[in-house]
Every structure is written in C-alpha cells, then in structure tokens.
Amino acid sequence: MINALKTGIYNKATSSGSFNTGIGGRFYYEVAPQGVTFPYCTYHFITETESIDSATTYKNPVIQFNIYSKTSGSAEIGNLETYLKDLFDYAILIVTGYSNILTKPFTVNRLPKIDEAVWQTVVSYLIFLEKN
C-alpha cells in the first residue's frame, strides 16, 4: 500500500501547475538531496491505522508534507502552503489497488525560521483508502 500511495501522492504533486511550479519541481520522499535549491517539499508517512465501518475495512495513513523556503519574508512559504492545500485538501488520489475515499486535512504547523533563515511549514493529511 505504501508504494502505491507514494506514487499517487507524487503524481498529484508533480502534475500541479501552481504547487509544482512554486517548488521548482523539487518534491522528495522523506529527505531532500544535500545542497538542494530552495524552495522544496518533502513528504513521508507518519502513521497508519485501520478502521472498520460495517463490512468495510479502511486504511488510514497520515501523510506529512514539509515545505521549505529561504526568502527574507514569509510570502513565498505562505503561497506554497496555499498551493499545497488547494491541491490536497479533500483531493482524490489515484492509488493502484485502492479506492480513495477521502484526503482530509489533519494539521498545519507554521514553524519560525530555522538555520540560515529557512522557513518551514508542516501540513498533514489523514487519508482514507479502501482496498479494491
């Protein structure tokens, strides 16, 4: 399930006009390459649970996106957060072997500047998948 969902998320993120253009196509699973150009985004899985509703079992992974920007002001990181949320809030993902029921916003954390004036926003989603 994880590989199929990784592919679905990657395809959705990199096919987006505003978000993909905003991060310059720099979208990585777990860790960005050392020395990567800013801005960029990483994504990874936080947890996975199951829920049962009547006779249906759902997989409920939580996916986290970390957006990084290195501008003097916060406009760029704010725009990238908006583009990401426009793309993934209640989105339908194509995940081989599963039906995507819901991609639900979970948390948003806006972190203060870190090393070398780097902005970071963390956006998480709870995803409900039903096995075909």
Protein backbone atom coordinates (compact mmCIF):
# COMPACT_ATOMS: atom_id res chain seq x y z
CA MET A 1 0.00 0.00 0.00
CA ILE A 2 2.78 2.45 0.87
CA ASN A 3 4.46 2.29 -2.57
CA ALA A 4 1.15 2.73 -4.40
CA LEU A 5 0.23 5.68 -2.19
CA LYS A 6 3.70 7.24 -2.57
CA THR A 7 3.23 7.08 -6.34
CA GLY A 8 -0.27 8.58 -6.16
CA ILE A 9 0.93 11.47 -3.99
CA TYR A 10 4.00 12.10 -6.16
CA ASN A 11 1.94 12.11 -9.35
CA LYS A 12 -0.63 14.50 -7.87
CA ALA A 13 2.01 16.92 -6.54
CA THR A 14 4.17 17.00 -9.66
CA SER A 15 1.25 17.41 -12.06
CA SER A 16 0.03 20.57 -10.32
CA GLY A 17 0.69 23.85 -12.04
CA SER A 18 0.95 26.26 -9.09
CA PHE A 19 2.44 23.96 -6.46
CA ASN A 20 4.91 22.16 -8.74
CA THR A 21 5.99 25.44 -10.35
CA GLY A 22 6.29 27.12 -6.93
CA ILE A 23 8.70 24.45 -5.65
CA GLY A 24 10.51 24.24 -8.98
CA GLY A 25 9.66 20.52 -9.28
CA ARG A 26 11.71 19.77 -6.14
CA PHE A 27 9.46 17.22 -4.42
CA TYR A 28 11.16 14.40 -2.49
CA TYR A 29 10.19 11.38 -0.44
CA GLU A 30 11.50 11.70 3.14
CA VAL A 31 14.75 13.63 2.59
CA ALA A 32 15.86 16.19 0.01
CA PRO A 33 19.30 15.78 -1.56
CA GLN A 34 22.08 17.67 0.19
CA GLY A 35 22.54 21.16 -1.26
CA VAL A 36 19.09 21.26 -2.88
CA THR A 37 17.89 24.63 -4.15
CA PHE A 38 15.10 26.33 -2.19
CA PRO A 39 12.11 26.19 -2.15
CA TYR A 40 11.34 22.48 -1.99
CA CYS A 41 8.98 20.00 -0.36
CA THR A 42 9.45 16.59 1.26
CA TYR A 43 6.75 14.11 2.21
CA HIS A 44 6.59 10.99 4.35
CA PHE A 45 4.24 8.76 6.30
CA ILE A 46 3.65 9.46 9.98
CA THR A 47 1.44 6.51 10.90
CA GLU A 48 -1.07 4.03 9.52
CA THR A 49 -4.16 2.68 11.20
CA GLU A 50 -7.21 0.71 10.15
CA SER A 51 -10.84 1.49 10.75
CA ILE A 52 -13.87 -0.68 10.16
CA ASP A 53 -17.24 0.68 9.12
CA SER A 54 -19.83 -2.07 8.82
CA ALA A 55 -18.26 -4.64 6.48
CA THR A 56 -15.59 -2.34 5.02
CA THR A 57 -12.02 -2.00 6.28
CA TYR A 58 -10.22 1.26 5.56
CA LYS A 59 -6.51 2.00 5.68
CA ASN A 60 -5.89 5.37 7.33
CA PRO A 61 -2.33 6.59 6.75
CA VAL A 62 -1.28 10.06 7.85
CA ILE A 63 0.99 11.78 5.34
CA GLN A 64 3.13 14.78 6.23
CA PHE A 65 4.43 17.42 3.83
CA ASN A 66 7.31 19.70 4.87
CA ILE A 67 7.69 22.82 2.76
CA TYR A 68 10.96 24.79 2.99
CA SER A 69 11.68 28.31 1.78
CA LYS A 70 14.73 30.52 2.17
CA THR A 71 13.42 34.00 1.43
CA SER A 72 13.72 37.04 3.68
CA GLY A 73 9.94 37.35 4.03
CA SER A 74 7.16 34.85 4.59
CA ALA A 75 5.20 35.44 1.35
CA GLU A 76 6.75 32.55 -0.57
CA ILE A 77 6.17 29.94 2.18
CA GLY A 78 2.62 31.23 2.62
CA ASN A 79 1.90 30.92 -1.10
CA LEU A 80 3.37 27.40 -1.22
CA GLU A 81 1.19 26.32 1.71
CA THR A 82 -1.88 27.68 -0.10
CA TYR A 83 -0.94 25.87 -3.32
CA LEU A 84 -0.40 22.59 -1.45
CA LYS A 85 -3.72 22.88 0.39
CA ASP A 86 -5.54 23.79 -2.84
CA LEU A 87 -4.12 20.61 -4.35
CA PHE A 88 -4.59 18.11 -1.49
CA ASP A 89 -7.49 19.30 0.73
CA TYR A 90 -10.24 16.71 0.12
CA ALA A 91 -8.45 15.57 -3.04
CA ILE A 92 -8.99 12.37 -4.94
CA LEU A 93 -5.75 10.43 -5.41
CA ILE A 94 -5.19 7.62 -7.86
CA VAL A 95 -3.77 4.75 -5.81
CA THR A 96 -3.39 1.41 -7.58
CA GLY A 97 -5.37 -1.31 -5.82
CA TYR A 98 -7.32 1.12 -3.62
CA SER A 99 -10.29 3.43 -3.80
CA ASN A 100 -9.54 6.82 -2.31
CA ILE A 101 -12.45 7.76 -0.10
CA LEU A 102 -11.14 10.99 1.40
CA THR A 103 -7.98 13.05 1.79
CA LYS A 104 -8.75 15.08 4.89
CA PRO A 105 -6.66 17.99 6.23
CA PHE A 106 -5.23 16.98 9.60
CA THR A 107 -2.78 19.59 10.94
CA VAL A 108 -0.85 22.66 9.81
CA ASN A 109 2.20 23.87 11.75
CA ARG A 110 4.00 27.04 10.75
CA LEU A 111 7.47 26.95 12.24
CA PRO A 112 9.67 30.00 12.80
CA LYS A 113 12.77 30.46 10.73
CA ILE A 114 15.41 27.81 11.36
CA ASP A 115 19.06 27.56 10.26
CA GLU A 116 20.13 30.19 7.76
CA ALA A 117 16.73 31.89 7.79
CA VAL A 118 14.84 28.87 6.43
CA TRP A 119 11.06 28.94 6.76
CA GLN A 120 9.21 25.64 7.25
CA THR A 121 5.53 24.74 7.13
CA VAL A 122 4.33 21.25 8.02
CA VAL A 123 0.99 20.10 6.61
CA SER A 124 -0.50 16.69 7.45
CA TYR A 125 -3.39 14.77 5.94
CA LEU A 126 -5.41 11.78 7.09
CA ILE A 127 -6.15 9.58 4.09
CA PHE A 128 -8.97 7.04 3.96
CA LEU A 129 -8.36 4.20 1.50
CA GLU A 130 -10.48 1.16 0.76
CA LYS A 131 -8.83 -1.91 -0.78
CA ASN A 132 -10.39 -2.85 -4.13
